[in-house]
């Protein structure tokens, strides 16, 4: 255990039965580890030292029944001071305390309390009252415990209200999130339906255009053919004139021209023209030749008969 002067003190030398007197030891800190090793010391006197605060592990000394912290410089007690549930007697005279931790309400076995000569909160000071005799100190313990229990209950209610508000807020956020997700799903569903409808219209338009093209192609094909529904009877096919007929026509035309020329040269005044003279001479020669040819033919025919 350390002191202000740095000299070591043996706790066992200070132990008298169940009482451990560490007052007037010029302590700056509490030797919690050494105290925890002495669970037999249920009465602890730390008065008249230089303690400014108590370490948090001080609250592990749950075997304490009576604790004297008077005439130190304590500004506050540990938040979990209420763990000292076996504490019955507590002396905090002449310190620098303003408030007490809410866990103070858990000291259900506390029977005696002295808070005089502390700069207490006015409400707490009024509740604690004076501790001038045994009865007043007992009343102070009862009233302060009731006051701290009320504060604890109010804090618990506030905590519950806060938790409830947080839960409701969380529920609202979840509801809003679900509503948002549902809206997004509905939007995606509507967009998908619109896209499907657009694609269906495009398909119908393409199909209609294709059918229109097919109809147009069929009409053009029908127009290029002979009308099947014509009321006129089919015309017999015209035979192309053969080559022999063309030659015959030419010969007939030439013969007609020759006859016309002979007639003109024989019967008109043109017979004395040089052209007509030549034509008439040629005609007479041809006639003579034909006659000779006829005479020869008759002779041959007569000889063959003999």
Foldseek 3Di string as FASTA:
>chain_A
DQAPVGDDDDQVVQDDQLAGEPAPRQDAADPQVNLVVCLSNQAYEHDHYAYQAYDPCNLVSLSHAEYEHDHYAHAAYDQQVLSNQNHAYYEHHQYAYADYHLSLLNNVNHQFYADPNYNYDPVLCVQQDHPPDRVSRRSSSVSNSVVSVVVVVVVVVVVVVVVVVVVVVVVVVVVVVVVVVVVVVVVVVVVVVVVVVVVVVVVVVVVVVVVVVVVVVVVVVCVVDDPPPDPDPDDPDDDDDDPVVVVVVVVVVVVVVLVVLQCCLPPHPCVPPPVNVVSVVVVVVVVVVVVVVVVVVVVVVVVVVD
